[in-house]
PDB file of all heavy atoms in Angstrom:
ATOM      1  N   SER A   1     108.422 149.997 -41.123  1.00  0.00           N
ATOM      2  CA  SER A   1     108.605 151.416 -40.923  1.00  0.00           C
ATOM      3  C   SER A   1     108.528 151.786 -39.466  1.00  0.00           C
ATOM      4  O   SER A   1     109.339 152.509 -38.955  1.00  0.00           O
ATOM      5  CB  SER A   1     107.639 152.297 -41.685  1.00  0.00           C
ATOM      6  OG  SER A   1     107.654 152.001 -43.043  1.00  0.00           O
ATOM      7  N   PHE A   2     107.517 151.189 -38.697  1.00  0.00           N
ATOM      8  CA  PHE A   2     107.408 151.449 -37.321  1.00  0.00           C
ATOM      9  C   PHE A   2     108.593 150.979 -36.518  1.00  0.00           C
ATOM     10  O   PHE A   2     109.213 151.617 -35.711  1.00  0.00           O
ATOM     11  CB  PHE A   2     106.223 150.610 -36.804  1.00  0.00           C
ATOM     12  CG  PHE A   2     105.987 150.826 -35.285  1.00  0.00           C
ATOM     13  CD1 PHE A   2     105.489 152.091 -34.859  1.00  0.00           C
ATOM     14  CD2 PHE A   2     106.378 149.714 -34.497  1.00  0.00           C
ATOM     15  CE1 PHE A   2     105.264 152.155 -33.413  1.00  0.00           C
ATOM     16  CE2 PHE A   2     106.255 150.086 -33.113  1.00  0.00           C
ATOM     17  CZ  PHE A   2     105.738 151.114 -32.584  1.00  0.00           C
ATOM     18  N   LYS A   3     109.164 149.674 -36.974  1.00  0.00           N
ATOM     19  CA  LYS A   3     110.333 149.195 -36.329  1.00  0.00           C
ATOM     20  C   LYS A   3     111.558 150.113 -36.553  1.00  0.00           C
ATOM     21  O   LYS A   3     112.301 150.403 -35.497  1.00  0.00           O
ATOM     22  CB  LYS A   3     110.670 147.745 -36.817  1.00  0.00           C
ATOM     23  CG  LYS A   3     111.840 147.145 -36.163  1.00  0.00           C
ATOM     24  CD  LYS A   3     112.043 145.734 -36.683  1.00  0.00           C
ATOM     25  CE  LYS A   3     113.274 145.043 -36.014  1.00  0.00           C
ATOM     26  NZ  LYS A   3     113.347 143.680 -36.654  1.00  0.00           N
ATOM     27  N   ASN A   4     111.673 150.570 -37.700  1.00  0.00           N
ATOM     28  CA  ASN A   4     112.879 151.413 -38.107  1.00  0.00           C
ATOM     29  C   ASN A   4     112.767 152.714 -37.307  1.00  0.00           C
ATOM     30  O   ASN A   4     113.707 153.244 -36.824  1.00  0.00           O
ATOM     31  CB  ASN A   4     112.893 151.655 -39.590  1.00  0.00           C
ATOM     32  CG  ASN A   4     113.409 150.355 -40.339  1.00  0.00           C
ATOM     33  OD1 ASN A   4     113.982 149.527 -39.808  1.00  0.00           O
ATOM     34  ND2 ASN A   4     113.187 150.409 -41.673  1.00  0.00           N
ATOM     35  N   ASN A   5     111.542 153.320 -37.291  1.00  0.00           N
ATOM     36  CA  ASN A   5     111.353 154.659 -36.561  1.00  0.00           C
ATOM     37  C   ASN A   5     111.627 154.479 -35.175  1.00  0.00           C
ATOM     38  O   ASN A   5     112.225 155.413 -34.449  1.00  0.00           O
ATOM     39  CB  ASN A   5     110.020 155.125 -36.828  1.00  0.00           C
ATOM     40  CG  ASN A   5     109.896 155.662 -38.238  1.00  0.00           C
ATOM     41  OD1 ASN A   5     110.762 156.066 -38.929  1.00  0.00           O
ATOM     42  ND2 ASN A   5     108.573 155.819 -38.776  1.00  0.00           N
ATOM     43  N   THR A   6     111.290 153.326 -34.578  1.00  0.00           N
ATOM     44  CA  THR A   6     111.499 153.022 -33.139  1.00  0.00           C
ATOM     45  C   THR A   6     112.963 152.975 -32.836  1.00  0.00           C
ATOM     46  O   THR A   6     113.485 153.530 -31.871  1.00  0.00           O
ATOM     47  CB  THR A   6     110.739 151.851 -32.572  1.00  0.00           C
ATOM     48  OG1 THR A   6     109.376 152.016 -32.914  1.00  0.00           O
ATOM     49  CG2 THR A   6     111.039 151.611 -31.209  1.00  0.00           C
ATOM     50  N   ILE A   7     113.658 152.275 -33.716  1.00  0.00           N
ATOM     51  CA  ILE A   7     115.080 152.055 -33.498  1.00  0.00           C
ATOM     52  C   ILE A   7     115.729 153.421 -33.657  1.00  0.00           C
ATOM     53  O   ILE A   7     116.594 153.791 -32.813  1.00  0.00           O
ATOM     54  CB  ILE A   7     115.614 151.088 -34.543  1.00  0.00           C
ATOM     55  CG1 ILE A   7     115.195 149.640 -34.320  1.00  0.00           C
ATOM     56  CG2 ILE A   7     117.149 151.055 -34.556  1.00  0.00           C
ATOM     57  CD1 ILE A   7     115.506 148.667 -35.317  1.00  0.00           C
ATOM     58  N   LEU A   8     115.380 154.301 -34.619  1.00  0.00           N
ATOM     59  CA  LEU A   8     116.028 155.459 -34.807  1.00  0.00           C
ATOM     60  C   LEU A   8     115.787 156.399 -33.487  1.00  0.00           C
ATOM     61  O   LEU A   8     116.668 157.138 -33.038  1.00  0.00           O
ATOM     62  CB  LEU A   8     115.368 156.156 -36.077  1.00  0.00           C
ATOM     63  CG  LEU A   8     115.886 157.630 -36.253  1.00  0.00           C
ATOM     64  CD1 LEU A   8     117.357 157.686 -36.604  1.00  0.00           C
ATOM     65  CD2 LEU A   8     115.204 158.264 -37.555  1.00  0.00           C
ATOM     66  N   SER A   9     114.489 156.404 -32.993  1.00  0.00           N
ATOM     67  CA  SER A   9     114.220 157.269 -31.861  1.00  0.00           C
ATOM     68  C   SER A   9     115.140 156.782 -30.749  1.00  0.00           C
ATOM     69  O   SER A   9     115.595 157.673 -29.932  1.00  0.00           O
ATOM     70  CB  SER A   9     112.768 157.038 -31.496  1.00  0.00           C
ATOM     71  OG  SER A   9     111.894 157.453 -32.582  1.00  0.00           O
ATOM     72  N   ILE A  10     115.258 155.440 -30.459  1.00  0.00           N
ATOM     73  CA  ILE A  10     116.061 155.041 -29.410  1.00  0.00           C
ATOM     74  C   ILE A  10     117.516 155.412 -29.620  1.00  0.00           C
ATOM     75  O   ILE A  10     118.233 155.895 -28.694  1.00  0.00           O
ATOM     76  CB  ILE A  10     115.979 153.583 -29.257  1.00  0.00           C
ATOM     77  CG1 ILE A  10     114.599 153.067 -28.779  1.00  0.00           C
ATOM     78  CG2 ILE A  10     116.944 152.886 -28.250  1.00  0.00           C
ATOM     79  CD1 ILE A  10     114.290 151.598 -28.907  1.00  0.00           C
ATOM     80  N   PHE A  11     117.961 155.300 -30.858  1.00  0.00           N
ATOM     81  CA  PHE A  11     119.355 155.617 -31.172  1.00  0.00           C
ATOM     82  C   PHE A  11     119.560 157.170 -30.876  1.00  0.00           C
ATOM     83  O   PHE A  11     120.522 157.598 -30.253  1.00  0.00           O
ATOM     84  CB  PHE A  11     119.682 155.404 -32.645  1.00  0.00           C
ATOM     85  CG  PHE A  11     120.987 155.867 -33.139  1.00  0.00           C
ATOM     86  CD1 PHE A  11     122.169 155.276 -32.777  1.00  0.00           C
ATOM     87  CD2 PHE A  11     121.105 157.075 -33.830  1.00  0.00           C
ATOM     88  CE1 PHE A  11     123.398 155.780 -33.181  1.00  0.00           C
ATOM     89  CE2 PHE A  11     122.238 157.641 -34.270  1.00  0.00           C
ATOM     90  CZ  PHE A  11     123.375 156.962 -33.918  1.00  0.00           C
ATOM     91  N   LEU A  12     118.603 158.038 -31.307  1.00  0.00           N
ATOM     92  CA  LEU A  12     118.749 159.443 -31.049  1.00  0.00           C
ATOM     93  C   LEU A  12     118.731 159.810 -29.559  1.00  0.00           C
ATOM     94  O   LEU A  12     119.476 160.711 -29.151  1.00  0.00           O
ATOM     95  CB  LEU A  12     117.669 160.220 -31.773  1.00  0.00           C
ATOM     96  CG  LEU A  12     117.794 160.181 -33.317  1.00  0.00           C
ATOM     97  CD1 LEU A  12     116.556 160.916 -33.959  1.00  0.00           C
ATOM     98  CD2 LEU A  12     118.918 160.991 -33.779  1.00  0.00           C
ATOM     99  N   LEU A  13     117.918 159.087 -28.854  1.00  0.00           N
ATOM    100  CA  LEU A  13     117.802 159.368 -27.441  1.00  0.00           C
ATOM    101  C   LEU A  13     119.212 158.952 -26.742  1.00  0.00           C
ATOM    102  O   LEU A  13     119.677 159.784 -25.870  1.00  0.00           O
ATOM    103  CB  LEU A  13     116.661 158.480 -26.788  1.00  0.00           C
ATOM    104  CG  LEU A  13     116.631 158.480 -25.267  1.00  0.00           C
ATOM    105  CD1 LEU A  13     116.284 159.930 -24.759  1.00  0.00           C
ATOM    106  CD2 LEU A  13     115.465 157.528 -24.729  1.00  0.00           C
ATOM    107  N   PHE A  14     119.686 157.884 -27.079  1.00  0.00           N
ATOM    108  CA  PHE A  14     120.859 157.451 -26.497  1.00  0.00           C
ATOM    109  C   PHE A  14     122.127 158.371 -26.949  1.00  0.00           C
ATOM    110  O   PHE A  14     123.145 158.563 -26.224  1.00  0.00           O
ATOM    111  CB  PHE A  14     121.242 155.955 -26.806  1.00  0.00           C
ATOM    112  CG  PHE A  14     120.622 155.054 -25.727  1.00  0.00           C
ATOM    113  CD1 PHE A  14     119.378 154.526 -26.058  1.00  0.00           C
ATOM    114  CD2 PHE A  14     121.160 154.754 -24.503  1.00  0.00           C
ATOM    115  CE1 PHE A  14     118.760 153.697 -25.054  1.00  0.00           C
ATOM    116  CE2 PHE A  14     120.640 153.893 -23.561  1.00  0.00           C
ATOM    117  CZ  PHE A  14     119.303 153.398 -23.875  1.00  0.00           C
ATOM    118  N   SER A  15     122.028 158.778 -28.161  1.00  0.00           N
ATOM    119  CA  SER A  15     123.072 159.701 -28.603  1.00  0.00           C
ATOM    120  C   SER A  15     123.042 161.027 -27.861  1.00  0.00           C
ATOM    121  O   SER A  15     124.040 161.549 -27.482  1.00  0.00           O
ATOM    122  CB  SER A  15     122.800 159.981 -30.120  1.00  0.00           C
ATOM    123  OG  SER A  15     122.936 158.829 -30.913  1.00  0.00           O
ATOM    124  N   PHE A  16     121.776 161.439 -27.549  1.00  0.00           N
ATOM    125  CA  PHE A  16     121.614 162.726 -26.792  1.00  0.00           C
ATOM    126  C   PHE A  16     122.191 162.464 -25.361  1.00  0.00           C
ATOM    127  O   PHE A  16     122.978 163.307 -24.841  1.00  0.00           O
ATOM    128  CB  PHE A  16     120.156 163.087 -26.693  1.00  0.00           C
ATOM    129  CG  PHE A  16     119.913 164.344 -25.759  1.00  0.00           C
ATOM    130  CD1 PHE A  16     120.238 165.538 -26.241  1.00  0.00           C
ATOM    131  CD2 PHE A  16     119.377 164.135 -24.525  1.00  0.00           C
ATOM    132  CE1 PHE A  16     120.082 166.644 -25.440  1.00  0.00           C
ATOM    133  CE2 PHE A  16     119.129 165.177 -23.738  1.00  0.00           C
ATOM    134  CZ  PHE A  16     119.441 166.502 -24.086  1.00  0.00           C
ATOM    135  N   LEU A  17     121.840 161.384 -24.789  1.00  0.00           N
ATOM    136  CA  LEU A  17     122.350 161.105 -23.442  1.00  0.00           C
ATOM    137  C   LEU A  17     123.863 160.770 -23.403  1.00  0.00           C
ATOM    138  O   LEU A  17     124.557 161.427 -22.527  1.00  0.00           O
ATOM    139  CB  LEU A  17     121.590 159.785 -22.901  1.00  0.00           C
ATOM    140  CG  LEU A  17     120.132 160.022 -22.614  1.00  0.00           C
ATOM    141  CD1 LEU A  17     119.593 158.598 -22.221  1.00  0.00           C
ATOM    142  CD2 LEU A  17     119.887 161.104 -21.508  1.00  0.00           C
ATOM    143  N   GLY A  18     124.315 160.190 -24.438  1.00  0.00           N
ATOM    144  CA  GLY A  18     125.858 159.932 -24.566  1.00  0.00           C
ATOM    145  C   GLY A  18     126.499 161.363 -24.676  1.00  0.00           C
ATOM    146  O   GLY A  18     127.602 161.476 -24.065  1.00  0.00           O
ATOM    147  N   THR A  19     126.015 162.209 -25.444  1.00  0.00           N
ATOM    148  CA  THR A  19     126.655 163.532 -25.650  1.00  0.00           C
ATOM    149  C   THR A  19     126.730 164.225 -24.346  1.00  0.00           C
ATOM    150  O   THR A  19     127.741 164.885 -23.967  1.00  0.00           O
ATOM    151  CB  THR A  19     125.827 164.456 -26.664  1.00  0.00           C
ATOM    152  OG1 THR A  19     125.857 163.739 -27.837  1.00  0.00           O
ATOM    153  CG2 THR A  19     126.463 165.731 -26.747  1.00  0.00           C
ATOM    154  N   ASN A  20     125.672 164.242 -23.515  1.00  0.00           N
ATOM    155  CA  ASN A  20     125.654 164.919 -22.178  1.00  0.00           C
ATOM    156  C   ASN A  20     126.685 164.211 -21.256  1.00  0.00           C
ATOM    157  O   ASN A  20     127.332 164.902 -20.482  1.00  0.00           O
ATOM    158  CB  ASN A  20     124.317 164.821 -21.565  1.00  0.00           C
ATOM    159  CG  ASN A  20     123.338 165.830 -22.022  1.00  0.00           C
ATOM    160  OD1 ASN A  20     123.729 166.625 -22.744  1.00  0.00           O
ATOM    161  ND2 ASN A  20     122.059 165.658 -21.777  1.00  0.00           N
ATOM    162  N   VAL A  21     126.789 162.887 -21.370  1.00  0.00           N
ATOM    163  CA  VAL A  21     127.797 162.129 -20.494  1.00  0.00           C
ATOM    164  C   VAL A  21     129.151 162.552 -20.877  1.00  0.00           C
ATOM    165  O   VAL A  21     129.988 162.867 -20.032  1.00  0.00           O
ATOM    166  CB  VAL A  21     127.550 160.673 -20.574  1.00  0.00           C
ATOM    167  CG1 VAL A  21     128.800 159.894 -19.914  1.00  0.00           C
ATOM    168  CG2 VAL A  21     126.311 160.247 -19.907  1.00  0.00           C
ATOM    169  N   GLU A  22     129.422 162.610 -22.249  1.00  0.00           N
ATOM    170  CA  GLU A  22     130.716 162.990 -22.771  1.00  0.00           C
ATOM    171  C   GLU A  22     131.140 164.449 -22.233  1.00  0.00           C
ATOM    172  O   GLU A  22     132.166 164.720 -21.955  1.00  0.00           O
ATOM    173  CB  GLU A  22     130.850 162.848 -24.241  1.00  0.00           C
ATOM    174  CG  GLU A  22     130.840 161.313 -24.555  1.00  0.00           C
ATOM    175  CD  GLU A  22     130.943 161.171 -26.052  1.00  0.00           C
ATOM    176  OE1 GLU A  22     132.171 161.447 -26.543  1.00  0.00           O
ATOM    177  OE2 GLU A  22     130.062 160.664 -26.773  1.00  0.00           O
ATOM    178  N   ALA A  23     130.066 165.260 -22.343  1.00  0.00           N
ATOM    179  CA  ALA A  23     130.305 166.736 -22.074  1.00  0.00           C
ATOM    180  C   ALA A  23     130.615 166.795 -20.519  1.00  0.00           C
ATOM    181  O   ALA A  23     131.515 167.543 -20.206  1.00  0.00           O
ATOM    182  CB  ALA A  23     128.989 167.515 -22.376  1.00  0.00           C
ATOM    183  N   GLN A  24     129.938 165.936 -19.753  1.00  0.00           N
ATOM    184  CA  GLN A  24     130.269 165.951 -18.265  1.00  0.00           C
ATOM    185  C   GLN A  24     131.648 165.517 -18.057  1.00  0.00           C
ATOM    186  O   GLN A  24     132.404 166.129 -17.300  1.00  0.00           O
ATOM    187  CB  GLN A  24     129.310 164.965 -17.556  1.00  0.00           C
ATOM    188  CG  GLN A  24     129.495 164.790 -16.060  1.00  0.00           C
ATOM    189  CD  GLN A  24     129.220 166.036 -15.286  1.00  0.00           C
ATOM    190  OE1 GLN A  24     128.345 166.850 -15.770  1.00  0.00           O
ATOM    191  NE2 GLN A  24     129.825 166.292 -14.175  1.00  0.00           N
ATOM    192  N   ASN A  25     132.132 164.480 -18.789  1.00  0.00           N
ATOM    193  CA  ASN A  25     133.473 164.015 -18.651  1.00  0.00           C
ATOM    194  C   ASN A  25     134.533 165.122 -19.074  1.00  0.00           C
ATOM    195  O   ASN A  25     135.503 165.342 -18.447  1.00  0.00           O
ATOM    196  CB  ASN A  25     133.755 162.743 -19.525  1.00  0.00           C
ATOM    197  CG  ASN A  25     133.023 161.564 -18.911  1.00  0.00           C
ATOM    198  OD1 ASN A  25     132.765 161.528 -17.764  1.00  0.00           O
ATOM    199  ND2 ASN A  25     132.788 160.541 -19.881  1.00  0.00           N
ATOM    200  N   ASN A  26     134.272 165.842 -20.245  1.00  0.00           N
ATOM    201  CA  ASN A  26     135.028 166.924 -20.705  1.00  0.00           C
ATOM    202  C   ASN A  26     135.027 168.069 -19.755  1.00  0.00           C
ATOM    203  O   ASN A  26     136.140 168.653 -19.517  1.00  0.00           O
ATOM    204  CB  ASN A  26     134.484 167.458 -21.927  1.00  0.00           C
ATOM    205  CG  ASN A  26     134.848 166.514 -23.175  1.00  0.00           C
ATOM    206  OD1 ASN A  26     135.794 165.846 -23.056  1.00  0.00           O
ATOM    207  ND2 ASN A  26     133.978 166.618 -24.278  1.00  0.00           N
ATOM    208  N   LYS A  27     133.905 168.338 -19.032  1.00  0.00           N
ATOM    209  CA  LYS A  27     133.925 169.349 -17.919  1.00  0.00           C
ATOM    210  C   LYS A  27     134.810 169.018 -16.768  1.00  0.00           C
ATOM    211  O   LYS A  27     135.471 169.897 -16.179  1.00  0.00           O
ATOM    212  CB  LYS A  27     132.498 169.545 -17.431  1.00  0.00           C
ATOM    213  CG  LYS A  27     132.275 170.629 -16.421  1.00  0.00           C
ATOM    214  CD  LYS A  27     131.060 170.527 -15.532  1.00  0.00           C
ATOM    215  CE  LYS A  27     131.137 169.302 -14.689  1.00  0.00           C
ATOM    216  NZ  LYS A  27     130.020 169.305 -13.748  1.00  0.00           N
ATOM    217  N   ASP A  28     134.931 167.676 -16.509  1.00  0.00           N
ATOM    218  CA  ASP A  28     135.850 167.317 -15.341  1.00  0.00           C
ATOM    219  C   ASP A  28     137.267 167.293 -15.794  1.00  0.00           C
ATOM    220  O   ASP A  28     138.111 167.162 -15.003  1.00  0.00           O
ATOM    221  CB  ASP A  28     135.358 165.987 -14.892  1.00  0.00           C
ATOM    222  CG  ASP A  28     134.043 166.028 -14.140  1.00  0.00           C
ATOM    223  OD1 ASP A  28     133.632 167.164 -13.761  1.00  0.00           O
ATOM    224  OD2 ASP A  28     133.403 164.947 -14.052  1.00  0.00           O
ATOM    225  N   ASN A  29     137.456 167.256 -17.085  1.00  0.00           N
ATOM    226  CA  ASN A  29     138.877 167.314 -17.611  1.00  0.00           C
ATOM    227  C   ASN A  29     139.025 168.385 -18.675  1.00  0.00           C
ATOM    228  O   ASN A  29     139.053 168.255 -19.862  1.00  0.00           O
ATOM    229  CB  ASN A  29     139.199 166.016 -18.281  1.00  0.00           C
ATOM    230  CG  ASN A  29     139.045 164.841 -17.335  1.00  0.00           C
ATOM    231  OD1 ASN A  29     140.042 164.577 -16.701  1.00  0.00           O
ATOM    232  ND2 ASN A  29     138.000 164.077 -17.474  1.00  0.00           N
ATOM    233  N   PRO A  30     139.036 169.732 -18.159  1.00  0.00           N
ATOM    234  CA  PRO A  30     139.042 170.860 -18.980  1.00  0.00           C
ATOM    235  C   PRO A  30     140.258 170.962 -19.824  1.00  0.00           C
ATOM    236  O   PRO A  30     141.321 170.377 -19.588  1.00  0.00           O
ATOM    237  CB  PRO A  30     138.881 171.913 -17.987  1.00  0.00           C
ATOM    238  CG  PRO A  30     139.507 171.527 -16.735  1.00  0.00           C
ATOM    239  CD  PRO A  30     139.154 170.117 -16.728  1.00  0.00           C
ATOM    240  N   LEU A  31     140.076 171.670 -20.954  1.00  0.00           N
ATOM    241  CA  LEU A  31     141.233 171.934 -21.907  1.00  0.00           C
ATOM    242  C   LEU A  31     142.007 173.019 -21.149  1.00  0.00           C
ATOM    243  O   LEU A  31     141.423 174.158 -20.819  1.00  0.00           O
ATOM    244  CB  LEU A  31     140.745 172.421 -23.207  1.00  0.00           C
ATOM    245  CG  LEU A  31     140.114 171.263 -24.083  1.00  0.00           C
ATOM    246  CD1 LEU A  31     139.666 171.960 -25.460  1.00  0.00           C
ATOM    247  CD2 LEU A  31     141.157 170.195 -24.391  1.00  0.00           C
TER     248      LEU A  31
END
């Protein structure tokens, strides 16, 4: 359970960071 929760936390963190990076890319290439 600890291992799974740790993996989930890491996944969520990188998902959050990834979203910010993608948003930054979108900002530089506006619709």
